Protein backbone atom coordinates (compact mmCIF):
# COMPACT_ATOMS: atom_id res chain seq x y z
CA UNK A 1 5.30 21.96 29.52
CA UNK A 2 2.85 20.75 26.92
CA UNK A 3 2.85 16.99 26.47
CA UNK A 4 3.95 15.90 23.02
CA UNK A 5 2.14 12.62 22.25
CA UNK A 6 4.62 11.47 19.65
CA UNK A 7 3.71 9.50 16.60
CA UNK A 8 3.61 6.25 18.59
CA UNK A 9 0.38 7.33 20.37
CA UNK A 10 -1.61 8.57 17.38
CA UNK A 11 -3.20 5.18 16.80
CA UNK A 12 -4.18 5.04 20.49
CA UNK A 13 -5.83 8.47 20.16
CA UNK A 14 -7.86 7.21 17.19
CA UNK A 15 -8.91 4.07 19.02
CA UNK A 16 -9.81 5.89 22.23
CA UNK A 17 -11.89 8.40 20.26
CA UNK A 18 -13.74 5.54 18.56
CA UNK A 19 -14.32 3.69 21.84
CA UNK A 20 -15.66 6.73 23.69
CA UNK A 21 -17.74 7.88 20.73
CA UNK A 22 -19.58 4.56 20.45
CA UNK A 23 -19.88 3.75 24.17
CA UNK A 24 -23.28 4.02 25.86
CA UNK A 25 -21.78 4.13 29.35
CA UNK A 26 -18.44 5.16 30.90
CA UNK A 27 -15.51 2.79 30.24
CA UNK A 28 -13.28 1.68 33.09
CA UNK A 29 -9.53 2.24 32.97
CA UNK A 30 -9.01 -1.53 32.93
CA UNK A 31 -11.14 -1.93 29.79
CA UNK A 32 -9.31 0.96 28.14
CA UNK A 33 -5.95 -0.65 28.93
CA UNK A 34 -7.11 -3.89 27.31
CA UNK A 35 -8.55 -2.14 24.26
CA UNK A 36 -5.47 0.06 23.68
CA UNK A 37 -2.97 -2.67 24.62
CA UNK A 38 -1.00 -0.40 26.95
CA UNK A 39 -0.39 0.47 30.57
CA UNK A 40 -2.61 2.58 32.82
CA UNK A 41 -0.11 5.46 32.75
CA UNK A 42 -0.15 5.48 28.93
CA UNK A 43 -3.96 5.51 28.83
CA UNK A 44 -4.00 8.48 31.20
CA UNK A 45 -1.40 10.34 29.11
CA UNK A 46 -3.48 9.80 25.97
CA UNK A 47 -6.60 11.09 27.75
CA UNK A 48 -4.71 14.18 28.97
CA UNK A 49 -3.41 14.81 25.46
CA UNK A 50 -6.89 14.65 23.98
CA UNK A 51 -8.25 16.96 26.68
CA UNK A 52 -5.49 19.57 26.63
CA UNK A 53 -4.37 19.53 23.02
CA UNK A 54 -7.51 18.67 21.10
CA UNK A 55 -10.15 19.99 23.54
CA UNK A 56 -11.80 16.59 23.74
CA UNK A 57 -14.79 16.64 26.18
CA UNK A 58 -13.58 13.56 28.09
CA UNK A 59 -14.73 13.31 31.70
CA UNK A 60 -14.36 10.81 34.51
CA UNK A 61 -17.60 9.52 36.11
CA UNK A 62 -16.78 8.68 39.73
CA UNK A 63 -20.10 6.93 40.41
CA UNK A 64 -19.68 4.52 37.49
CA UNK A 65 -15.87 4.51 37.68
CA UNK A 66 -15.27 5.15 33.99
CA UNK A 67 -14.36 7.63 31.26
CA UNK A 68 -16.82 9.01 28.70
CA UNK A 69 -17.51 11.84 26.28
CA UNK A 70 -19.63 14.54 27.94
CA UNK A 71 -22.68 14.67 25.66
CA UNK A 72 -23.87 18.12 26.72
CA UNK A 73 -20.70 19.81 25.40
CA UNK A 74 -21.81 19.51 21.80
CA UNK A 75 -20.54 17.46 18.87
CA UNK A 76 -16.84 16.67 18.89
CA UNK A 77 -14.45 15.12 16.38
CA UNK A 78 -10.68 14.92 16.06
CA UNK A 79 -9.32 17.77 13.93
CA UNK A 80 -8.72 16.20 10.57
CA UNK A 81 -6.55 13.19 11.42
CA UNK A 82 -6.99 10.91 8.41
CA UNK A 83 -3.58 9.22 8.38
CA UNK A 84 -1.73 7.25 11.01
CA UNK A 85 2.00 7.54 11.69
CA UNK A 86 3.20 4.95 9.18
CA UNK A 87 0.95 6.32 6.44
CA UNK A 88 2.15 9.88 6.98
CA UNK A 89 5.83 9.00 6.86
CA UNK A 90 5.25 6.58 4.00
CA UNK A 91 3.60 9.23 1.85
CA UNK A 92 6.22 11.83 2.74
CA UNK A 93 8.90 9.34 1.72
CA UNK A 94 7.09 8.80 -1.59
CA UNK A 95 6.95 12.56 -2.10
CA UNK A 96 10.67 12.79 -1.41
CA UNK A 97 11.30 10.00 -3.90
CA UNK A 98 9.21 11.70 -6.58
CA UNK A 99 10.98 14.97 -5.93
CA UNK A 100 14.26 13.16 -6.36
CA UNK A 101 13.21 12.02 -9.83
CA UNK A 102 12.88 15.57 -11.05
CA UNK A 103 11.90 18.82 -9.27
CA UNK A 104 9.30 19.63 -11.93
CA UNK A 105 7.75 16.17 -12.28
CA UNK A 106 4.15 16.33 -10.99
CA UNK A 107 5.13 19.36 -8.89
CA UNK A 108 1.75 21.08 -9.23
CA UNK A 109 -0.16 17.89 -8.49
CA UNK A 110 1.90 16.97 -5.44
CA UNK A 111 2.14 20.42 -3.84
CA UNK A 112 -1.38 20.48 -2.28
CA UNK A 113 -0.92 16.97 -0.85
CA UNK A 114 2.47 17.91 0.55
CA UNK A 115 1.01 21.01 2.22
CA UNK A 116 -1.76 18.94 3.83
CA UNK A 117 0.71 16.32 5.03
CA UNK A 118 2.91 19.00 6.59
CA UNK A 119 -0.07 20.36 8.52
CA UNK A 120 -0.96 16.90 9.83
CA UNK A 121 2.57 15.92 10.78
CA UNK A 122 3.00 19.25 12.55
CA UNK A 123 -0.10 18.59 14.67
CA UNK A 124 0.79 15.00 15.45
CA UNK A 125 4.51 15.38 16.19
CA UNK A 126 5.02 19.00 17.20
CA UNK A 127 7.62 19.41 14.43
CA UNK A 128 7.81 22.78 12.75
CA UNK A 129 5.73 22.60 9.57
CA UNK A 130 8.57 24.23 7.62
CA UNK A 131 10.83 21.24 8.27
CA UNK A 132 11.09 18.85 5.37
CA UNK A 133 11.74 15.15 5.18
CA UNK A 134 14.89 16.03 3.25
CA UNK A 135 16.40 17.16 6.56
CA UNK A 136 16.35 13.55 7.73
CA UNK A 137 16.33 11.39 4.58
CA UNK A 138 18.56 11.86 1.57
CA UNK A 139 18.21 9.92 -1.68
CA UNK A 140 21.40 10.00 -3.73
CA UNK A 141 20.88 9.49 -7.47
CA UNK A 142 23.05 6.88 -9.16
CA UNK A 143 23.89 7.21 -12.84
CA UNK A 144 20.76 9.29 -13.49
CA UNK A 145 20.48 10.56 -17.06
CA UNK A 146 19.47 14.04 -18.12
CA UNK A 147 16.38 14.87 -20.19
CA UNK A 148 14.44 11.70 -19.34
CA UNK A 149 11.48 13.73 -18.07
CA UNK A 150 11.02 15.89 -21.16
CA UNK A 151 8.35 13.58 -22.54
CA UNK A 152 7.50 11.64 -19.39
CA UNK A 153 3.87 12.71 -19.09
CA UNK A 154 2.90 12.04 -22.71
CA UNK A 155 4.63 8.63 -22.59
CA UNK A 156 2.97 7.70 -19.30
CA UNK A 157 -0.39 8.89 -20.65
CA UNK A 158 -0.06 6.79 -23.81
CA UNK A 159 0.96 3.81 -21.68
CA UNK A 160 -2.09 4.15 -19.43
CA UNK A 161 -4.50 4.89 -22.27
CA UNK A 162 -3.05 2.06 -24.40
CA UNK A 163 -2.35 4.32 -27.38
CA UNK A 164 0.49 3.99 -29.90
CA UNK A 165 3.36 6.47 -30.11
CA UNK A 166 5.40 7.66 -33.07
CA UNK A 167 8.89 8.61 -31.88
CA UNK A 168 12.45 9.19 -32.98
CA UNK A 169 14.77 6.92 -31.02
CA UNK A 170 18.53 7.50 -30.88
CA UNK A 171 20.04 4.16 -29.86
CA UNK A 172 23.27 4.14 -27.88
CA UNK A 173 24.27 0.72 -29.17
CA UNK A 174 24.76 1.75 -32.82
CA UNK A 175 24.34 5.56 -32.64
CA UNK A 176 21.43 5.38 -35.11
CA UNK A 177 18.34 7.58 -34.89
CA UNK A 178 15.28 5.92 -36.41
CA UNK A 179 11.58 6.75 -36.61
CA UNK A 180 9.57 4.08 -34.80
CA UNK A 181 5.94 3.32 -34.06
CA UNK A 182 5.62 1.87 -30.61
CA UNK A 183 2.85 0.15 -28.68
CA UNK A 184 3.62 1.11 -25.05
CA UNK A 185 3.20 -1.73 -22.56
CA UNK A 186 4.71 -0.53 -19.26
CA UNK A 187 7.12 1.94 -17.68
CA UNK A 188 10.18 0.50 -15.92
CA UNK A 189 12.26 2.38 -13.34
CA UNK A 190 15.73 0.85 -13.16
CA UNK A 191 18.81 2.27 -11.47
CA UNK A 192 17.48 5.84 -11.30
CA UNK A 193 16.39 5.83 -14.94
CA UNK A 194 13.10 5.31 -16.75
CA UNK A 195 12.52 2.93 -19.65
CA UNK A 196 9.48 2.34 -21.80
CA UNK A 197 8.80 -1.32 -22.39
CA UNK A 198 7.14 -1.32 -25.81
CA UNK A 199 6.38 -3.37 -28.89
CA UNK A 200 8.17 -1.91 -31.92
CA UNK A 201 6.09 -2.20 -35.10
CA UNK A 202 9.19 -1.53 -37.20
CA UNK A 203 11.12 -4.53 -35.90
CA UNK A 204 8.19 -6.59 -34.55
CA UNK A 205 9.90 -7.06 -31.20
CA UNK A 206 9.52 -6.12 -27.54
CA UNK A 207 12.25 -3.82 -26.30
CA UNK A 208 13.04 -1.35 -23.47
CA UNK A 209 13.53 2.22 -24.71
CA UNK A 210 15.43 4.71 -22.57
CA UNK A 211 13.25 7.80 -22.12
CA UNK A 212 16.18 10.19 -22.49
CA UNK A 213 16.77 8.91 -26.06
CA UNK A 214 13.19 9.50 -27.21
CA UNK A 215 12.37 12.69 -29.14
CA UNK A 216 9.85 14.09 -31.64
CA UNK A 217 7.12 12.20 -29.85
CA UNK A 218 3.52 12.02 -31.06
CA UNK A 219 0.62 10.11 -29.54
CA UNK A 220 -1.50 8.39 -32.19
CA UNK A 221 -5.23 7.72 -32.05
CA UNK A 222 -4.53 4.05 -32.59
CA UNK A 223 -4.87 1.43 -29.89
CA UNK A 224 -1.67 -0.26 -28.78
CA UNK A 225 -1.05 -3.88 -29.55
CA UNK A 226 -1.77 -5.73 -26.31
CA UNK A 227 0.91 -8.17 -25.17
CA UNK A 228 0.07 -10.75 -22.46
CA UNK A 229 1.63 -10.12 -19.06
CA UNK A 230 3.33 -13.51 -19.07
CA UNK A 231 5.18 -12.57 -22.26
CA UNK A 232 6.15 -9.17 -20.87
CA UNK A 233 7.54 -10.78 -17.73
CA UNK A 234 9.42 -13.33 -19.81
CA UNK A 235 11.04 -10.70 -22.03
CA UNK A 236 11.67 -7.84 -19.58
CA UNK A 237 12.13 -9.46 -16.19
CA UNK A 238 13.34 -13.05 -16.58
CA UNK A 239 17.04 -12.13 -16.93
CA UNK A 240 19.60 -9.87 -15.30
CA UNK A 241 19.65 -6.16 -16.15
CA UNK A 242 17.61 -3.92 -18.39
CA UNK A 243 18.43 -5.64 -21.68
CA UNK A 244 15.35 -7.48 -22.89
CA UNK A 245 15.22 -11.06 -23.99
CA UNK A 246 14.59 -14.54 -22.76
CA UNK A 247 17.17 -16.52 -20.80
CA UNK A 248 20.13 -17.37 -23.01
CA UNK A 249 22.47 -18.74 -20.35
CA UNK A 250 23.18 -18.83 -16.62
CA UNK A 251 26.31 -17.08 -15.36
CA UNK A 252 28.15 -18.83 -12.53
CA UNK A 253 30.32 -16.38 -10.58
CA UNK A 254 32.71 -17.24 -7.77
CA UNK A 255 33.48 -14.47 -5.27
CA UNK A 256 36.30 -14.39 -2.76
CA UNK A 257 35.26 -14.15 0.91
CA UNK A 258 36.30 -10.48 0.91
CA UNK A 259 34.23 -9.61 -2.17
CA UNK A 260 31.34 -11.70 -0.87
CA UNK A 261 30.81 -9.16 1.91
CA UNK A 262 29.33 -6.85 -0.73
CA UNK A 263 27.46 -9.59 -2.61
CA UNK A 264 25.97 -11.95 -0.06
CA UNK A 265 22.41 -10.94 0.76
CA UNK A 266 22.16 -8.68 -2.30
CA UNK A 267 19.54 -9.45 -4.95
CA UNK A 268 20.94 -9.16 -8.46
CA UNK A 269 17.90 -10.93 -9.90
CA UNK A 270 14.81 -12.60 -8.45
CA UNK A 271 15.73 -15.94 -10.02
CA UNK A 272 19.32 -16.01 -8.78
CA UNK A 273 20.77 -18.91 -6.80
CA UNK A 274 23.61 -18.48 -4.34
CA UNK A 275 25.55 -20.18 -1.59
CA UNK A 276 28.97 -20.96 -0.15
CA UNK A 277 31.11 -23.72 -1.67
CA UNK A 278 34.71 -24.60 -0.82
CA UNK A 279 35.25 -21.31 0.99
CA UNK A 280 33.93 -19.11 -1.84
CA UNK A 281 30.57 -17.50 -2.51
CA UNK A 282 28.97 -18.76 -5.73
CA UNK A 283 26.24 -16.80 -7.50
CA UNK A 284 24.16 -18.05 -10.44
CA UNK A 285 22.46 -15.40 -12.57
CA UNK A 286 20.23 -15.92 -15.65
CA UNK A 287 21.02 -13.46 -18.43
CA UNK A 288 20.12 -12.70 -22.01
CA UNK A 289 22.72 -10.15 -23.14
CA UNK A 290 26.10 -10.11 -21.40
CA UNK A 291 26.89 -6.38 -21.75
CA UNK A 292 25.56 -5.14 -18.42
CA UNK A 293 26.56 -8.29 -16.56
CA UNK A 294 30.18 -7.93 -17.74
CA UNK A 295 30.20 -4.40 -16.34
CA UNK A 296 29.11 -5.72 -12.93
CA UNK A 297 31.73 -8.46 -13.04
CA UNK A 298 34.53 -6.01 -13.83
CA UNK A 299 33.41 -3.82 -10.92
CA UNK A 300 34.60 -6.51 -8.48
CA UNK A 301 38.06 -6.81 -10.04
CA UNK A 302 40.08 -9.76 -8.78
CA UNK A 303 37.36 -10.55 -6.24
CA UNK A 304 35.31 -12.51 -8.78
CA UNK A 305 35.91 -15.26 -11.31
CA UNK A 306 33.55 -16.34 -14.08
CA UNK A 307 33.20 -20.13 -13.94
CA UNK A 308 30.50 -20.58 -16.58
CA UNK A 309 29.54 -20.33 -19.37
CA UNK A 310 32.75 -20.39 -21.45
CA UNK A 311 31.55 -17.63 -23.80
CA UNK A 312 31.00 -15.23 -20.88
CA UNK A 313 34.39 -16.10 -19.44
CA UNK A 314 36.00 -15.42 -22.84
CA UNK A 315 34.11 -12.11 -23.21
CA UNK A 316 35.37 -10.91 -19.82
CA UNK A 317 38.94 -11.92 -20.74
CA UNK A 318 38.68 -10.03 -24.02
CA UNK A 319 37.43 -6.92 -22.24
CA UNK A 320 40.29 -7.14 -19.74
CA UNK A 321 42.83 -7.49 -22.52
CA UNK A 322 41.50 -4.35 -24.22
CA UNK A 323 41.58 -2.48 -20.93
CA UNK A 324 45.21 -3.45 -20.37
CA UNK A 325 45.97 -2.43 -23.94
CA UNK A 326 44.81 1.08 -23.11
CA UNK A 327 47.72 1.26 -20.66
CA UNK A 328 50.28 -0.34 -22.96
CA UNK A 329 50.26 -3.60 -21.06
CA UNK A 330 50.59 -6.88 -22.88
CA UNK A 331 49.41 -10.11 -21.29
CA UNK A 332 49.84 -13.58 -22.65
CA UNK A 333 47.30 -16.17 -21.66
C-alpha cells in the first residue's frame, strides 16, 4: 500500500528537502528529528515518502551515519510544491467564497488558479482531483439580493482607479430613482450583499449605495474626491449596521438568560459593550439610524427589552403596535 503523507507532513517534506539540499555532509537521524520537531519514526516515514512518491535521491551513508542527497543522480527538486497545507486550503476556501458570491464573478480569472490548486492538493493529499471543496464546506447565503453583480466590475474598477461614476440609483427608502454623480471610496460586503461607500456630489454626503439598486452606470474621466480614512471609518463603521452616519445614541438592550445563549459571544459591532447584570445579559450598541437595529431587536421577541434610549424604546413599541394591528389586536399601554 502506498503511504499517503497527509497534509500534516507537507511542511516536513519542504524542510527536509531544504536541509538535504544545503548540507555538505550526511545528516544524522537525531539532527533531522531536532530540525523537523518530530519523532524518529516520522522522519523515516517522510524520507520513505520522498523516495517512493517523489523519486527523491535520498541515501543513507553508513560510514558517516547520516542521510544525504546522492549528487551523482543529477539535479532534483520537488515537483511544483509552492503552497503548504494551510495556504492550499485557505485559497480553496477563498475560491469557494467567491464562487458563492456569483458563479460568473471572476470565473475566467479564477479558473486557472483553481485548476492548479486541484493538481497540487491531489498530489499532496491523494484526493481525487475532481473532488471539490464544496463536498466538504457549504456556504449558505443569507438575504442575498439579485442583480448586485451586473455592474460589479465597473464599480470595483472605478473604486480602485479613483474615478467618478454617473449612475441612476433607485432608493428603497423613498422609492425614488435619481441620477447621481458619485466619488467611489470603498466597497463594503455586509450580510451577503455588496455596497459602494461613496461621496454623492448631488447631496454632498457620504453614503452606502446597494449595488443591486445601481443602473445606467458610466465611469467618468474625472478623479474622485478623496475622503480621509478616518472620516470614512467614522461615517461607515462607527455605528451598528449598514446605515451610514456618526453615533447618534447608544442602545442598551437587556436579554433574558435564554435569549442570551444566542447573543453572548456574538459581535454586533466592534465598539459594543456587554456583560451580565442582575441575572440578565446587557448589550450596549452605538447606532446612527434605528431602522436596522429595530429589526434585530424584534427578531428576539420577548427575549429582549430596550432599556435606553427612550426614543428607541418608543420606536420599538410603535412598531409592535402596528404589527399587532395587522392581526386585529388592540393593546393599551
